[in-house]
Amino acid sequence: MEYLVTMKTHVPDGTPEAAVDDVRAREAAHSRELAAQGHLLRLWRPPLQPGEWRSLGLFAADDADQLERVLASMPLRVWRTDEVTPLSPHPNDPGPAPAAHEKTAEFLTTFGVTVPEGTPGQTVGEAEAREADRARELAIQGHLVRLWRLPGQGRALGLWRARDAAEMQTITESLPLTANAWMTTETTALTQHPSDPALSSR
């Protein structure tokens, strides 16, 4: 099973810089070990406020208990709080993709779908079929990397590649469920994390 983990680190005031550097070095080494074991799949930095220390990680584990053991084994956990979101398979997920070689940015999107009450089932089915077709097109083009179901009705998480935020907006606006105003999208721009396992595969 896959999980999105938001990791927030708060280093206690007065901690010597040498101690921080030591923990960070051990964290990077352990991240490589977790990647080799297949537990750490990706690691990103989202937009940060000044002084904020936060990362987003995509992890794999058999269940929540194993994930907690994995997270607890990470050196930075002594200063860190983790928010775990379980991810479920989505029928439009293209599956694991190779690392991008061209200069593209990555984005996470959180989708929320609300079908108007009274919409005929056939209309819903046709819209979902068009959405699936468009998702396949975007995956072939290298834009849609992964897609998961989130907890809650009609919610999904997408991992995308695009040249920039403007292209990403154009992509999401091209989705049929967005065009018919059934779907809302929240987009998070991602930047590289030095311990991201994908960097070693490029």
Protein backbone atom coordinates (compact mmCIF):
# COMPACT_ATOMS: atom_id res chain seq x y z
CA MET A 1 0.00 0.00 0.00
CA GLU A 2 1.16 3.55 -0.70
CA TYR A 3 1.01 6.55 1.63
CA LEU A 4 1.60 10.28 1.30
CA VAL A 5 3.38 11.57 4.40
CA THR A 6 3.68 15.26 5.27
CA MET A 7 6.75 15.60 7.49
CA LYS A 8 7.22 18.74 9.58
CA THR A 9 10.48 19.19 11.49
CA HIS A 10 10.92 21.54 14.46
CA VAL A 11 14.48 21.70 15.75
CA PRO A 12 14.51 22.74 19.44
CA ASP A 13 15.92 26.20 20.11
CA GLY A 14 19.53 26.09 21.17
CA THR A 15 20.35 22.86 19.33
CA PRO A 16 24.00 23.08 18.18
CA GLU A 17 24.40 23.36 14.41
CA ALA A 18 26.79 20.40 14.47
CA ALA A 19 24.04 18.23 16.01
CA VAL A 20 21.58 19.32 13.32
CA ASP A 21 24.11 18.54 10.58
CA ASP A 22 24.76 15.11 12.10
CA VAL A 23 21.06 14.19 12.21
CA ARG A 24 20.53 15.44 8.66
CA ALA A 25 23.46 13.37 7.39
CA ARG A 26 22.14 10.25 9.12
CA GLU A 27 18.65 11.00 7.74
CA ALA A 28 20.00 11.18 4.18
CA ALA A 29 21.89 7.90 4.60
CA HIS A 30 18.86 6.16 6.10
CA SER A 31 16.63 7.53 3.32
CA ARG A 32 18.86 5.77 0.80
CA GLU A 33 18.47 2.54 2.78
CA LEU A 34 14.66 2.90 2.86
CA ALA A 35 14.63 3.55 -0.88
CA ALA A 36 16.70 0.42 -1.50
CA GLN A 37 14.22 -1.55 0.64
CA GLY A 38 11.31 -0.23 -1.45
CA HIS A 39 9.73 1.79 1.37
CA LEU A 40 10.67 5.34 0.31
CA LEU A 41 9.47 5.92 -3.25
CA ARG A 42 9.70 9.71 -3.66
CA LEU A 43 10.56 12.78 -1.61
CA TRP A 44 9.75 16.43 -2.37
CA ARG A 45 9.78 19.89 -0.89
CA PRO A 46 6.51 21.84 -1.14
CA PRO A 47 6.42 25.66 -1.03
CA LEU A 48 7.84 26.74 2.35
CA GLN A 49 7.46 29.76 4.61
CA PRO A 50 10.65 31.37 5.96
CA GLY A 51 12.14 29.11 8.63
CA GLU A 52 9.76 26.25 7.81
CA TRP A 53 11.17 22.73 7.43
CA ARG A 54 8.67 20.48 5.70
CA SER A 55 8.84 17.59 3.21
CA LEU A 56 6.37 15.39 1.37
CA GLY A 57 7.16 11.71 1.01
CA LEU A 58 5.61 8.87 -0.96
CA PHE A 59 6.08 5.65 1.01
CA ALA A 60 5.16 2.00 0.50
CA ALA A 61 4.35 -0.38 3.34
CA ASP A 62 2.25 -3.47 3.94
CA ASP A 63 0.03 -1.61 6.40
CA ALA A 64 -0.11 1.38 8.74
CA ASP A 65 1.84 -0.45 11.47
CA GLN A 66 4.76 -1.20 9.16
CA LEU A 67 4.71 2.39 7.89
CA GLU A 68 4.94 3.68 11.46
CA ARG A 69 7.97 1.47 12.07
CA VAL A 70 9.58 2.84 8.90
CA LEU A 71 8.90 6.45 9.89
CA ALA A 72 10.04 5.86 13.47
CA SER A 73 13.36 4.51 12.18
CA MET A 74 14.24 7.82 10.51
CA PRO A 75 16.74 9.93 12.51
CA LEU A 76 14.83 13.20 12.05
CA ARG A 77 11.77 11.66 13.75
CA VAL A 78 13.14 12.92 17.09
CA TRP A 79 12.22 16.46 15.94
CA ARG A 80 9.49 15.65 13.43
CA THR A 81 5.74 15.16 13.31
CA ASP A 82 4.22 13.13 10.48
CA GLU A 83 0.78 13.40 8.93
CA VAL A 84 -0.09 10.20 7.04
CA THR A 85 -2.63 9.98 4.22
CA PRO A 86 -3.39 6.46 2.94
CA LEU A 87 -3.63 6.20 -0.85
CA SER A 88 -5.84 3.70 -2.68
CA PRO A 89 -5.60 2.48 -6.28
CA HIS A 90 -7.34 4.68 -8.85
CA PRO A 91 -8.67 3.12 -12.07
CA ASN A 92 -7.01 5.87 -14.15
CA ASP A 93 -3.58 5.47 -12.54
CA PRO A 94 -0.94 4.90 -15.26
CA GLY A 95 1.30 3.07 -12.76
CA PRO A 96 4.94 3.66 -11.80
CA ALA A 97 6.78 5.71 -14.39
CA PRO A 98 10.47 6.22 -15.11
CA ALA A 99 12.13 9.42 -13.95
CA ALA A 100 11.80 12.39 -16.28
CA HIS A 101 14.93 13.27 -18.23
CA GLU A 102 13.72 16.56 -19.67
CA LYS A 103 13.46 19.78 -17.69
CA THR A 104 9.99 19.52 -16.18
CA ALA A 105 8.53 20.54 -12.87
CA GLU A 106 6.40 18.24 -10.73
CA PHE A 107 3.05 19.04 -9.15
CA LEU A 108 0.60 17.36 -6.80
CA THR A 109 -3.09 17.93 -7.40
CA THR A 110 -5.92 17.22 -5.01
CA PHE A 111 -9.17 16.67 -6.87
CA GLY A 112 -12.67 16.85 -5.43
CA VAL A 113 -15.57 15.62 -7.57
CA THR A 114 -19.19 16.54 -6.82
CA VAL A 115 -21.82 15.27 -9.26
CA PRO A 116 -24.94 17.47 -9.30
CA GLU A 117 -27.90 15.80 -7.65
CA GLY A 118 -30.27 14.24 -10.14
CA THR A 119 -27.66 13.73 -12.89
CA PRO A 120 -28.62 10.61 -14.90
CA GLY A 121 -26.33 7.63 -14.39
CA GLN A 122 -25.62 7.43 -18.11
CA THR A 123 -24.40 11.03 -18.13
CA VAL A 124 -22.10 10.29 -15.20
CA GLY A 125 -20.75 7.18 -16.90
CA GLU A 126 -20.05 9.04 -20.13
CA ALA A 127 -18.23 11.84 -18.28
CA GLU A 128 -16.11 9.34 -16.35
CA ALA A 129 -15.24 7.54 -19.59
CA ARG A 130 -14.10 10.82 -21.18
CA GLU A 131 -12.06 11.55 -18.05
CA ALA A 132 -10.38 8.14 -18.27
CA ASP A 133 -9.58 8.67 -21.97
CA ARG A 134 -8.05 12.07 -21.25
CA ALA A 135 -6.02 10.64 -18.35
CA ARG A 136 -4.56 8.00 -20.68
CA GLU A 137 -3.66 10.70 -23.22
CA LEU A 138 -1.93 12.80 -20.57
CA ALA A 139 -0.06 9.75 -19.26
CA ILE A 140 1.19 8.93 -22.77
CA GLN A 141 2.32 12.55 -23.15
CA GLY A 142 4.30 12.23 -19.91
CA HIS A 143 2.17 14.67 -17.91
CA LEU A 144 0.20 12.32 -15.66
CA VAL A 145 2.65 10.31 -13.57
CA ARG A 146 0.45 8.72 -10.88
CA LEU A 147 -3.15 8.91 -9.67
CA TRP A 148 -4.60 7.65 -6.38
CA ARG A 149 -7.88 7.71 -4.52
CA LEU A 150 -7.89 9.69 -1.28
CA PRO A 151 -10.03 9.00 1.77
CA GLY A 152 -13.45 10.59 1.36
CA GLN A 153 -16.05 10.53 -1.39
CA GLY A 154 -14.91 11.70 -4.82
CA ARG A 155 -11.37 12.73 -3.81
CA ALA A 156 -8.17 11.90 -5.67
CA LEU A 157 -4.46 12.78 -5.63
CA GLY A 158 -2.45 13.22 -8.82
CA LEU A 159 1.29 13.51 -9.50
CA TRP A 160 2.05 15.45 -12.68
CA ARG A 161 4.90 16.81 -14.80
CA ALA A 162 4.69 20.08 -16.70
CA ARG A 163 7.03 22.82 -17.91
CA ASP A 164 5.62 25.33 -15.43
CA ALA A 165 2.54 26.34 -13.44
CA ALA A 166 0.85 27.82 -16.50
CA GLU A 167 1.09 24.54 -18.42
CA MET A 168 -0.12 22.65 -15.35
CA GLN A 169 -3.19 24.87 -15.17
CA THR A 170 -3.87 24.28 -18.86
CA ILE A 171 -3.65 20.52 -18.25
CA THR A 172 -6.10 20.51 -15.36
CA GLU A 173 -8.51 22.73 -17.27
CA SER A 174 -8.47 20.20 -20.11
CA LEU A 175 -9.90 17.46 -17.88
CA PRO A 176 -13.54 16.73 -18.77
CA LEU A 177 -14.73 16.72 -15.15
CA THR A 178 -13.22 20.19 -14.73
CA ALA A 179 -14.76 21.43 -17.96
CA ASN A 180 -18.26 20.46 -16.85
CA ALA A 181 -17.68 22.08 -13.41
CA TRP A 182 -17.93 18.84 -11.42
CA MET A 183 -14.33 18.88 -10.24
CA THR A 184 -12.28 21.31 -8.15
CA THR A 185 -8.49 21.19 -8.13
CA GLU A 186 -5.88 22.28 -5.61
CA THR A 187 -2.36 22.30 -7.06
CA THR A 188 0.90 22.18 -5.10
CA ALA A 189 4.17 22.94 -6.87
CA LEU A 190 6.99 20.61 -5.83
CA THR A 191 10.72 21.17 -5.77
CA GLN A 192 13.54 18.65 -5.62
CA HIS A 193 14.56 17.12 -2.32
CA PRO A 194 18.23 16.09 -2.14
CA SER A 195 17.25 12.66 -0.76
CA ASP A 196 14.62 11.93 -3.41
CA PRO A 197 15.20 8.35 -4.68
CA ALA A 198 14.30 9.49 -8.21
CA LEU A 199 17.48 11.56 -8.41
CA SER A 200 19.66 8.46 -8.25
CA SER A 201 17.76 6.86 -11.17
CA ARG A 202 18.39 9.69 -13.62
